[in-house]
Amino acid sequence: YLQMNSLKPEDTAVYYCNAYWGLD
């Protein structure tokens, strides 16, 4: 999970989850 508090306009983006297991 990602808890995001005190959000700012500069936090605007597409957020991607990543997992590394030898490959991404």
mmCIF file of all heavy atoms, coordinates in Angstrom:
data_MODEL
# 
_entry.id   MODEL 
# 
loop_
_atom_site.group_PDB 
_atom_site.id 
_atom_site.type_symbol 
_atom_site.label_atom_id 
_atom_site.label_alt_id 
_atom_site.label_comp_id 
_atom_site.label_asym_id 
_atom_site.label_entity_id 
_atom_site.label_seq_id 
_atom_site.pdbx_PDB_ins_code 
_atom_site.Cartn_x 
_atom_site.Cartn_y 
_atom_site.Cartn_z 
_atom_site.occupancy 
_atom_site.B_iso_or_equiv 
_atom_site.pdbx_formal_charge 
_atom_site.auth_seq_id 
_atom_site.auth_comp_id 
_atom_site.auth_asym_id 
_atom_site.auth_atom_id 
_atom_site.pdbx_PDB_model_num 
ATOM 1   N N   . TYR A 1 1  ? 0.835  -1.188  0.000   1.00 0.00 ? 1  TYR A N   1 
ATOM 2   C CA  . TYR A 1 1  ? 0.000  0.000   0.000   1.00 0.00 ? 1  TYR A CA  1 
ATOM 3   C C   . TYR A 1 1  ? 0.876  1.246   0.000   1.00 0.00 ? 1  TYR A C   1 
ATOM 4   O O   . TYR A 1 1  ? 2.034  1.208   0.404   1.00 0.00 ? 1  TYR A O   1 
ATOM 5   C CB  . TYR A 1 1  ? -0.890 0.019   1.241   1.00 0.00 ? 1  TYR A CB  1 
ATOM 6   C CG  . TYR A 1 1  ? -1.677 -1.241  1.456   1.00 0.00 ? 1  TYR A CG  1 
ATOM 7   C CD1 . TYR A 1 1  ? -1.177 -2.254  2.271   1.00 0.00 ? 1  TYR A CD1 1 
ATOM 8   C CD2 . TYR A 1 1  ? -2.895 -1.434  0.825   1.00 0.00 ? 1  TYR A CD2 1 
ATOM 9   C CE1 . TYR A 1 1  ? -1.881 -3.427  2.458   1.00 0.00 ? 1  TYR A CE1 1 
ATOM 10  C CE2 . TYR A 1 1  ? -3.612 -2.609  1.006   1.00 0.00 ? 1  TYR A CE2 1 
ATOM 11  C CZ  . TYR A 1 1  ? -3.099 -3.596  1.821   1.00 0.00 ? 1  TYR A CZ  1 
ATOM 12  O OH  . TYR A 1 1  ? -3.804 -4.758  1.996   1.00 0.00 ? 1  TYR A OH  1 
ATOM 13  N N   . LEU A 1 2  ? 0.287  2.334   -0.452  1.00 0.00 ? 2  LEU A N   1 
ATOM 14  C CA  . LEU A 1 2  ? 0.946  3.626   -0.364  1.00 0.00 ? 2  LEU A CA  1 
ATOM 15  C C   . LEU A 1 2  ? -0.057 4.624   0.201   1.00 0.00 ? 2  LEU A C   1 
ATOM 16  O O   . LEU A 1 2  ? -1.032 4.979   -0.469  1.00 0.00 ? 2  LEU A O   1 
ATOM 17  C CB  . LEU A 1 2  ? 1.446  4.107   -1.725  1.00 0.00 ? 2  LEU A CB  1 
ATOM 18  C CG  . LEU A 1 2  ? 2.248  5.408   -1.705  1.00 0.00 ? 2  LEU A CG  1 
ATOM 19  C CD1 . LEU A 1 2  ? 3.581  5.193   -0.978  1.00 0.00 ? 2  LEU A CD1 1 
ATOM 20  C CD2 . LEU A 1 2  ? 2.494  5.930   -3.115  1.00 0.00 ? 2  LEU A CD2 1 
ATOM 21  N N   . GLN A 1 3  ? 0.159  5.038   1.441   1.00 0.00 ? 3  GLN A N   1 
ATOM 22  C CA  . GLN A 1 3  ? -0.678 6.049   2.061   1.00 0.00 ? 3  GLN A CA  1 
ATOM 23  C C   . GLN A 1 3  ? -0.083 7.411   1.738   1.00 0.00 ? 3  GLN A C   1 
ATOM 24  O O   . GLN A 1 3  ? 1.077  7.678   2.065   1.00 0.00 ? 3  GLN A O   1 
ATOM 25  C CB  . GLN A 1 3  ? -0.733 5.844   3.577   1.00 0.00 ? 3  GLN A CB  1 
ATOM 26  C CG  . GLN A 1 3  ? -1.549 6.882   4.310   1.00 0.00 ? 3  GLN A CG  1 
ATOM 27  C CD  . GLN A 1 3  ? -3.029 6.819   3.975   1.00 0.00 ? 3  GLN A CD  1 
ATOM 28  O OE1 . GLN A 1 3  ? -3.599 5.740   3.874   1.00 0.00 ? 3  GLN A OE1 1 
ATOM 29  N NE2 . GLN A 1 3  ? -3.641 7.982   3.776   1.00 0.00 ? 3  GLN A NE2 1 
ATOM 30  N N   . MET A 1 4  ? -0.866 8.249   1.104   1.00 0.00 ? 4  MET A N   1 
ATOM 31  C CA  . MET A 1 4  ? -0.389 9.559   0.672   1.00 0.00 ? 4  MET A CA  1 
ATOM 32  C C   . MET A 1 4  ? -1.179 10.637  1.405   1.00 0.00 ? 4  MET A C   1 
ATOM 33  O O   . MET A 1 4  ? -2.396 10.744  1.239   1.00 0.00 ? 4  MET A O   1 
ATOM 34  C CB  . MET A 1 4  ? -0.561 9.706   -0.839  1.00 0.00 ? 4  MET A CB  1 
ATOM 35  C CG  . MET A 1 4  ? 0.120  8.623   -1.649  1.00 0.00 ? 4  MET A CG  1 
ATOM 36  S SD  . MET A 1 4  ? 0.025  8.878   -3.432  1.00 0.00 ? 4  MET A SD  1 
ATOM 37  C CE  . MET A 1 4  ? -1.725 8.662   -3.690  1.00 0.00 ? 4  MET A CE  1 
ATOM 38  N N   . ASN A 1 5  ? -0.491 11.403  2.237   1.00 0.00 ? 5  ASN A N   1 
ATOM 39  C CA  . ASN A 1 5  ? -1.098 12.485  3.005   1.00 0.00 ? 5  ASN A CA  1 
ATOM 40  C C   . ASN A 1 5  ? -0.524 13.819  2.562   1.00 0.00 ? 5  ASN A C   1 
ATOM 41  O O   . ASN A 1 5  ? 0.517  13.877  1.914   1.00 0.00 ? 5  ASN A O   1 
ATOM 42  C CB  . ASN A 1 5  ? -0.846 12.274  4.498   1.00 0.00 ? 5  ASN A CB  1 
ATOM 43  C CG  . ASN A 1 5  ? -1.441 10.990  5.031   1.00 0.00 ? 5  ASN A CG  1 
ATOM 44  O OD1 . ASN A 1 5  ? -2.501 10.543  4.577   1.00 0.00 ? 5  ASN A OD1 1 
ATOM 45  N ND2 . ASN A 1 5  ? -0.759 10.384  5.992   1.00 0.00 ? 5  ASN A ND2 1 
ATOM 46  N N   . SER A 1 6  ? -1.206 14.882  2.934   1.00 0.00 ? 6  SER A N   1 
ATOM 47  C CA  . SER A 1 6  ? -0.750 16.244  2.619   1.00 0.00 ? 6  SER A CA  1 
ATOM 48  C C   . SER A 1 6  ? -0.392 16.369  1.139   1.00 0.00 ? 6  SER A C   1 
ATOM 49  O O   . SER A 1 6  ? 0.669  16.901  0.776   1.00 0.00 ? 6  SER A O   1 
ATOM 50  C CB  . SER A 1 6  ? 0.459  16.610  3.482   1.00 0.00 ? 6  SER A CB  1 
ATOM 51  O OG  . SER A 1 6  ? 0.138  16.518  4.859   1.00 0.00 ? 6  SER A OG  1 
ATOM 52  N N   . LEU A 1 7  ? -1.272 15.894  0.298   1.00 0.00 ? 7  LEU A N   1 
ATOM 53  C CA  . LEU A 1 7  ? -0.998 15.874  -1.136  1.00 0.00 ? 7  LEU A CA  1 
ATOM 54  C C   . LEU A 1 7  ? -0.895 17.279  -1.713  1.00 0.00 ? 7  LEU A C   1 
ATOM 55  O O   . LEU A 1 7  ? -1.591 18.206  -1.264  1.00 0.00 ? 7  LEU A O   1 
ATOM 56  C CB  . LEU A 1 7  ? -2.087 15.078  -1.863  1.00 0.00 ? 7  LEU A CB  1 
ATOM 57  C CG  . LEU A 1 7  ? -1.920 13.554  -1.748  1.00 0.00 ? 7  LEU A CG  1 
ATOM 58  C CD1 . LEU A 1 7  ? -3.225 12.844  -2.047  1.00 0.00 ? 7  LEU A CD1 1 
ATOM 59  C CD2 . LEU A 1 7  ? -0.812 13.074  -2.675  1.00 0.00 ? 7  LEU A CD2 1 
ATOM 60  N N   . LYS A 1 8  ? -0.003 17.400  -2.693  1.00 0.00 ? 8  LYS A N   1 
ATOM 61  C CA  . LYS A 1 8  ? 0.265  18.671  -3.354  1.00 0.00 ? 8  LYS A CA  1 
ATOM 62  C C   . LYS A 1 8  ? -0.026 18.533  -4.854  1.00 0.00 ? 8  LYS A C   1 
ATOM 63  O O   . LYS A 1 8  ? 0.035  17.418  -5.382  1.00 0.00 ? 8  LYS A O   1 
ATOM 64  C CB  . LYS A 1 8  ? 1.730  19.066  -3.169  1.00 0.00 ? 8  LYS A CB  1 
ATOM 65  C CG  . LYS A 1 8  ? 2.195  19.127  -1.727  1.00 0.00 ? 8  LYS A CG  1 
ATOM 66  C CD  . LYS A 1 8  ? 3.691  19.390  -1.659  1.00 0.00 ? 8  LYS A CD  1 
ATOM 67  C CE  . LYS A 1 8  ? 4.198  19.431  -0.227  1.00 0.00 ? 8  LYS A CE  1 
ATOM 68  N NZ  . LYS A 1 8  ? 5.660  19.672  -0.162  1.00 0.00 ? 8  LYS A NZ  1 
ATOM 69  N N   . PRO A 1 9  ? -0.280 19.634  -5.534  1.00 0.00 ? 9  PRO A N   1 
ATOM 70  C CA  . PRO A 1 9  ? -0.505 19.542  -6.989  1.00 0.00 ? 9  PRO A CA  1 
ATOM 71  C C   . PRO A 1 9  ? 0.650  18.861  -7.726  1.00 0.00 ? 9  PRO A C   1 
ATOM 72  O O   . PRO A 1 9  ? 0.418  18.162  -8.720  1.00 0.00 ? 9  PRO A O   1 
ATOM 73  C CB  . PRO A 1 9  ? -0.655 21.002  -7.401  1.00 0.00 ? 9  PRO A CB  1 
ATOM 74  C CG  . PRO A 1 9  ? -1.218 21.674  -6.190  1.00 0.00 ? 9  PRO A CG  1 
ATOM 75  C CD  . PRO A 1 9  ? -0.550 20.994  -5.032  1.00 0.00 ? 9  PRO A CD  1 
ATOM 76  N N   . GLU A 1 10 ? 1.860  19.039  -7.233  1.00 0.00 ? 10 GLU A N   1 
ATOM 77  C CA  . GLU A 1 10 ? 3.018  18.405  -7.891  1.00 0.00 ? 10 GLU A CA  1 
ATOM 78  C C   . GLU A 1 10 ? 3.075  16.894  -7.696  1.00 0.00 ? 10 GLU A C   1 
ATOM 79  O O   . GLU A 1 10 ? 3.921  16.224  -8.288  1.00 0.00 ? 10 GLU A O   1 
ATOM 80  C CB  . GLU A 1 10 ? 4.332  19.039  -7.421  1.00 0.00 ? 10 GLU A CB  1 
ATOM 81  C CG  . GLU A 1 10 ? 4.492  19.126  -5.918  1.00 0.00 ? 10 GLU A CG  1 
ATOM 82  C CD  . GLU A 1 10 ? 4.103  20.498  -5.390  1.00 0.00 ? 10 GLU A CD  1 
ATOM 83  O OE1 . GLU A 1 10 ? 3.046  21.033  -5.810  1.00 0.00 ? 10 GLU A OE1 1 
ATOM 84  O OE2 . GLU A 1 10 ? 4.844  21.015  -4.526  1.00 0.00 ? 10 GLU A OE2 1 
ATOM 85  N N   . ASP A 1 11 ? 2.187  16.352  -6.890  1.00 0.00 ? 11 ASP A N   1 
ATOM 86  C CA  . ASP A 1 11 ? 2.072  14.894  -6.757  1.00 0.00 ? 11 ASP A CA  1 
ATOM 87  C C   . ASP A 1 11 ? 1.198  14.301  -7.859  1.00 0.00 ? 11 ASP A C   1 
ATOM 88  O O   . ASP A 1 11 ? 1.101  13.072  -7.971  1.00 0.00 ? 11 ASP A O   1 
ATOM 89  C CB  . ASP A 1 11 ? 1.484  14.520  -5.401  1.00 0.00 ? 11 ASP A CB  1 
ATOM 90  C CG  . ASP A 1 11 ? 2.387  14.894  -4.245  1.00 0.00 ? 11 ASP A CG  1 
ATOM 91  O OD1 . ASP A 1 11 ? 3.606  14.678  -4.344  1.00 0.00 ? 11 ASP A OD1 1 
ATOM 92  O OD2 . ASP A 1 11 ? 1.862  15.393  -3.221  1.00 0.00 ? 11 ASP A OD2 1 
ATOM 93  N N   . THR A 1 12 ? 0.569  15.149  -8.647  1.00 0.00 ? 12 THR A N   1 
ATOM 94  C CA  . THR A 1 12 ? -0.266 14.663  -9.745  1.00 0.00 ? 12 THR A CA  1 
ATOM 95  C C   . THR A 1 12 ? 0.569  13.856  -10.734 1.00 0.00 ? 12 THR A C   1 
ATOM 96  O O   . THR A 1 12 ? 1.593  14.331  -11.235 1.00 0.00 ? 12 THR A O   1 
ATOM 97  C CB  . THR A 1 12 ? -0.928 15.852  -10.471 1.00 0.00 ? 12 THR A CB  1 
ATOM 98  O OG1 . THR A 1 12 ? -1.834 16.503  -9.575  1.00 0.00 ? 12 THR A OG1 1 
ATOM 99  C CG2 . THR A 1 12 ? -1.689 15.379  -11.705 1.00 0.00 ? 12 THR A CG2 1 
ATOM 100 N N   . ALA A 1 13 ? 0.139  12.618  -10.987 1.00 0.00 ? 13 ALA A N   1 
ATOM 101 C CA  . ALA A 1 13 ? 0.891  11.718  -11.856 1.00 0.00 ? 13 ALA A CA  1 
ATOM 102 C C   . ALA A 1 13 ? 0.122  10.415  -12.002 1.00 0.00 ? 13 ALA A C   1 
ATOM 103 O O   . ALA A 1 13 ? -0.855 10.178  -11.290 1.00 0.00 ? 13 ALA A O   1 
ATOM 104 C CB  . ALA A 1 13 ? 2.272  11.433  -11.264 1.00 0.00 ? 13 ALA A CB  1 
ATOM 105 N N   . VAL A 1 14 ? 0.611  9.585   -12.899 1.00 0.00 ? 14 VAL A N   1 
ATOM 106 C CA  . VAL A 1 14 ? 0.162  8.194   -12.936 1.00 0.00 ? 14 VAL A CA  1 
ATOM 107 C C   . VAL A 1 14 ? 1.115  7.403   -12.051 1.00 0.00 ? 14 VAL A C   1 
ATOM 108 O O   . VAL A 1 14 ? 2.338  7.490   -12.219 1.00 0.00 ? 14 VAL A O   1 
ATOM 109 C CB  . VAL A 1 14 ? 0.165  7.630   -14.370 1.00 0.00 ? 14 VAL A CB  1 
ATOM 110 C CG1 . VAL A 1 14 ? -0.280 6.172   -14.355 1.00 0.00 ? 14 VAL A CG1 1 
ATOM 111 C CG2 . VAL A 1 14 ? -0.755 8.455   -15.268 1.00 0.00 ? 14 VAL A CG2 1 
ATOM 112 N N   . TYR A 1 15 ? 0.553  6.686   -11.113 1.00 0.00 ? 15 TYR A N   1 
ATOM 113 C CA  . TYR A 1 15 ? 1.334  5.911   -10.165 1.00 0.00 ? 15 TYR A CA  1 
ATOM 114 C C   . TYR A 1 15 ? 1.326  4.440   -10.587 1.00 0.00 ? 15 TYR A C   1 
ATOM 115 O O   . TYR A 1 15 ? 0.266  3.866   -10.862 1.00 0.00 ? 15 TYR A O   1 
ATOM 116 C CB  . TYR A 1 15 ? 0.770  6.059   -8.758  1.00 0.00 ? 15 TYR A CB  1 
ATOM 117 C CG  . TYR A 1 15 ? 1.115  7.398   -8.145  1.00 0.00 ? 15 TYR A CG  1 
ATOM 118 C CD1 . TYR A 1 15 ? 0.529  8.572   -8.627  1.00 0.00 ? 15 TYR A CD1 1 
ATOM 119 C CD2 . TYR A 1 15 ? 2.030  7.499   -7.100  1.00 0.00 ? 15 TYR A CD2 1 
ATOM 120 C CE1 . TYR A 1 15 ? 0.857  9.805   -8.085  1.00 0.00 ? 15 TYR A CE1 1 
ATOM 121 C CE2 . TYR A 1 15 ? 2.357  8.731   -6.552  1.00 0.00 ? 15 TYR A CE2 1 
ATOM 122 C CZ  . TYR A 1 15 ? 1.775  9.875   -7.051  1.00 0.00 ? 15 TYR A CZ  1 
ATOM 123 O OH  . TYR A 1 15 ? 2.105  11.099  -6.509  1.00 0.00 ? 15 TYR A OH  1 
ATOM 124 N N   . TYR A 1 16 ? 2.530  3.850   -10.612 1.00 0.00 ? 16 TYR A N   1 
ATOM 125 C CA  . TYR A 1 16 ? 2.703  2.472   -11.046 1.00 0.00 ? 16 TYR A CA  1 
ATOM 126 C C   . TYR A 1 16 ? 3.280  1.623   -9.916  1.00 0.00 ? 16 TYR A C   1 
ATOM 127 O O   . TYR A 1 16 ? 4.234  2.029   -9.248  1.00 0.00 ? 16 TYR A O   1 
ATOM 128 C CB  . TYR A 1 16 ? 3.660  2.391   -12.228 1.00 0.00 ? 16 TYR A CB  1 
ATOM 129 C CG  . TYR A 1 16 ? 3.181  3.110   -13.461 1.00 0.00 ? 16 TYR A CG  1 
ATOM 130 C CD1 . TYR A 1 16 ? 3.511  4.440   -13.687 1.00 0.00 ? 16 TYR A CD1 1 
ATOM 131 C CD2 . TYR A 1 16 ? 2.408  2.445   -14.416 1.00 0.00 ? 16 TYR A CD2 1 
ATOM 132 C CE1 . TYR A 1 16 ? 3.079  5.110   -14.830 1.00 0.00 ? 16 TYR A CE1 1 
ATOM 133 C CE2 . TYR A 1 16 ? 1.973  3.101   -15.559 1.00 0.00 ? 16 TYR A CE2 1 
ATOM 134 C CZ  . TYR A 1 16 ? 2.312  4.436   -15.753 1.00 0.00 ? 16 TYR A CZ  1 
ATOM 135 O OH  . TYR A 1 16 ? 1.883  5.093   -16.883 1.00 0.00 ? 16 TYR A OH  1 
ATOM 136 N N   . CYS A 1 17 ? 2.744  0.453   -9.760  1.00 0.00 ? 17 CYS A N   1 
ATOM 137 C CA  . CYS A 1 17 ? 3.292  -0.522  -8.836  1.00 0.00 ? 17 CYS A CA  1 
ATOM 138 C C   . CYS A 1 17 ? 4.352  -1.344  -9.573  1.00 0.00 ? 17 CYS A C   1 
ATOM 139 O O   . CYS A 1 17 ? 4.173  -1.681  -10.753 1.00 0.00 ? 17 CYS A O   1 
ATOM 140 C CB  . CYS A 1 17 ? 2.185  -1.431  -8.316  1.00 0.00 ? 17 CYS A CB  1 
ATOM 141 S SG  . CYS A 1 17 ? 2.742  -2.678  -7.134  1.00 0.00 ? 17 CYS A SG  1 
ATOM 142 N N   . ASN A 1 18 ? 5.423  -1.649  -8.874  1.00 0.00 ? 18 ASN A N   1 
ATOM 143 C CA  . ASN A 1 18 ? 6.519  -2.437  -9.450  1.00 0.00 ? 18 ASN A CA  1 
ATOM 144 C C   . ASN A 1 18 ? 6.876  -3.577  -8.524  1.00 0.00 ? 18 ASN A C   1 
ATOM 145 O O   . ASN A 1 18 ? 6.851  -3.431  -7.296  1.00 0.00 ? 18 ASN A O   1 
ATOM 146 C CB  . ASN A 1 18 ? 7.731  -1.543  -9.662  1.00 0.00 ? 18 ASN A CB  1 
ATOM 147 C CG  . ASN A 1 18 ? 8.985  -2.327  -10.009 1.00 0.00 ? 18 ASN A CG  1 
ATOM 148 O OD1 . ASN A 1 18 ? 9.752  -2.695  -9.131  1.00 0.00 ? 18 ASN A OD1 1 
ATOM 149 N ND2 . ASN A 1 18 ? 9.170  -2.591  -11.286 1.00 0.00 ? 18 ASN A ND2 1 
ATOM 150 N N   . ALA A 1 19 ? 7.208  -4.707  -9.103  1.00 0.00 ? 19 ALA A N   1 
ATOM 151 C CA  . ALA A 1 19 ? 7.708  -5.852  -8.346  1.00 0.00 ? 19 ALA A CA  1 
ATOM 152 C C   . ALA A 1 19 ? 8.978  -6.354  -9.009  1.00 0.00 ? 19 ALA A C   1 
ATOM 153 O O   . ALA A 1 19 ? 9.035  -6.486  -10.240 1.00 0.00 ? 19 ALA A O   1 
ATOM 154 C CB  . ALA A 1 19 ? 6.674  -6.971  -8.294  1.00 0.00 ? 19 ALA A CB  1 
ATOM 155 N N   . TYR A 1 20 ? 10.004 -6.597  -8.201  1.00 0.00 ? 20 TYR A N   1 
ATOM 156 C CA  . TYR A 1 20 ? 11.265 -7.114  -8.726  1.00 0.00 ? 20 TYR A CA  1 
ATOM 157 C C   . TYR A 1 20 ? 11.471 -8.540  -8.220  1.00 0.00 ? 20 TYR A C   1 
ATOM 158 O O   . TYR A 1 20 ? 11.451 -8.804  -7.010  1.00 0.00 ? 20 TYR A O   1 
ATOM 159 C CB  . TYR A 1 20 ? 12.429 -6.235  -8.294  1.00 0.00 ? 20 TYR A CB  1 
ATOM 160 C CG  . TYR A 1 20 ? 13.743 -6.743  -8.822  1.00 0.00 ? 20 TYR A CG  1 
ATOM 161 C CD1 . TYR A 1 20 ? 14.052 -6.630  -10.172 1.00 0.00 ? 20 TYR A CD1 1 
ATOM 162 C CD2 . TYR A 1 20 ? 14.654 -7.374  -7.985  1.00 0.00 ? 20 TYR A CD2 1 
ATOM 163 C CE1 . TYR A 1 20 ? 15.242 -7.129  -10.679 1.00 0.00 ? 20 TYR A CE1 1 
ATOM 164 C CE2 . TYR A 1 20 ? 15.846 -7.873  -8.486  1.00 0.00 ? 20 TYR A CE2 1 
ATOM 165 C CZ  . TYR A 1 20 ? 16.128 -7.740  -9.823  1.00 0.00 ? 20 TYR A CZ  1 
ATOM 166 O OH  . TYR A 1 20 ? 17.299 -8.237  -10.327 1.00 0.00 ? 20 TYR A OH  1 
ATOM 167 N N   . TRP A 1 21 ? 11.673 -9.445  -9.180  1.00 0.00 ? 21 TRP A N   1 
ATOM 168 C CA  . TRP A 1 21 ? 11.844 -10.867 -8.847  1.00 0.00 ? 21 TRP A CA  1 
ATOM 169 C C   . TRP A 1 21 ? 12.942 -11.464 -9.698  1.00 0.00 ? 21 TRP A C   1 
ATOM 170 O O   . TRP A 1 21 ? 12.878 -12.650 -10.046 1.00 0.00 ? 21 TRP A O   1 
ATOM 171 C CB  . TRP A 1 21 ? 10.520 -11.610 -9.044  1.00 0.00 ? 21 TRP A CB  1 
ATOM 172 C CG  . TRP A 1 21 ? 9.803  -11.288 -10.302 1.00 0.00 ? 21 TRP A CG  1 
ATOM 173 C CD1 . TRP A 1 21 ? 9.038  -10.184 -10.536 1.00 0.00 ? 21 TRP A CD1 1 
ATOM 174 C CD2 . TRP A 1 21 ? 9.783  -12.052 -11.517 1.00 0.00 ? 21 TRP A CD2 1 
ATOM 175 N NE1 . TRP A 1 21 ? 8.543  -10.206 -11.822 1.00 0.00 ? 21 TRP A NE1 1 
ATOM 176 C CE2 . TRP A 1 21 ? 8.987  -11.344 -12.440 1.00 0.00 ? 21 TRP A CE2 1 
ATOM 177 C CE3 . TRP A 1 21 ? 10.364 -13.258 -11.912 1.00 0.00 ? 21 TRP A CE3 1 
ATOM 178 C CZ2 . TRP A 1 21 ? 8.733  -11.812 -13.730 1.00 0.00 ? 21 TRP A CZ2 1 
ATOM 179 C CZ3 . TRP A 1 21 ? 10.117 -13.731 -13.196 1.00 0.00 ? 21 TRP A CZ3 1 
ATOM 180 C CH2 . TRP A 1 21 ? 9.316  -13.004 -14.091 1.00 0.00 ? 21 TRP A CH2 1 
ATOM 181 N N   . GLY A 1 22 ? 13.939 -10.603 -10.039 1.00 0.00 ? 22 GLY A N   1 
ATOM 182 C CA  . GLY A 1 22 ? 14.957 -10.980 -10.997 1.00 0.00 ? 22 GLY A CA  1 
ATOM 183 C C   . GLY A 1 22 ? 14.671 -10.273 -12.305 1.00 0.00 ? 22 GLY A C   1 
ATOM 184 O O   . GLY A 1 22 ? 15.576 -9.909  -13.053 1.00 0.00 ? 22 GLY A O   1 
ATOM 185 N N   . LEU A 1 23 ? 13.445 -10.065 -12.563 1.00 0.00 ? 23 LEU A N   1 
ATOM 186 C CA  . LEU A 1 23 ? 12.923 -9.227  -13.635 1.00 0.00 ? 23 LEU A CA  1 
ATOM 187 C C   . LEU A 1 23 ? 11.924 -8.252  -13.018 1.00 0.00 ? 23 LEU A C   1 
ATOM 188 O O   . LEU A 1 23 ? 11.512 -8.416  -11.877 1.00 0.00 ? 23 LEU A O   1 
ATOM 189 C CB  . LEU A 1 23 ? 12.234 -10.088 -14.708 1.00 0.00 ? 23 LEU A CB  1 
ATOM 190 C CG  . LEU A 1 23 ? 13.117 -11.086 -15.471 1.00 0.00 ? 23 LEU A CG  1 
ATOM 191 C CD1 . LEU A 1 23 ? 12.247 -11.939 -16.391 1.00 0.00 ? 23 LEU A CD1 1 
ATOM 192 C CD2 . LEU A 1 23 ? 14.182 -10.356 -16.273 1.00 0.00 ? 23 LEU A CD2 1 
ATOM 193 N N   . ASP A 1 24 ? 11.558 -7.258  -13.797 1.00 0.00 ? 24 ASP A N   1 
ATOM 194 C CA  . ASP A 1 24 ? 10.576 -6.279  -13.321 1.00 0.00 ? 24 ASP A CA  1 
ATOM 195 C C   . ASP A 1 24 ? 9.195  -6.573  -13.878 1.00 0.00 ? 24 ASP A C   1 
ATOM 196 O O   . ASP A 1 24 ? 9.047  -6.899  -15.054 1.00 0.00 ? 24 ASP A O   1 
ATOM 197 C CB  . ASP A 1 24 ? 10.976 -4.867  -13.773 1.00 0.00 ? 24 ASP A CB  1 
ATOM 198 C CG  . ASP A 1 24 ? 12.084 -4.281  -12.928 1.00 0.00 ? 24 ASP A CG  1 
ATOM 199 O OD1 . ASP A 1 24 ? 11.894 -4.213  -11.694 1.00 0.00 ? 24 ASP A OD1 1 
ATOM 200 O OD2 . ASP A 1 24 ? 13.126 -3.918  -13.486 1.00 0.00 ? 24 ASP A OD2 1 
# 
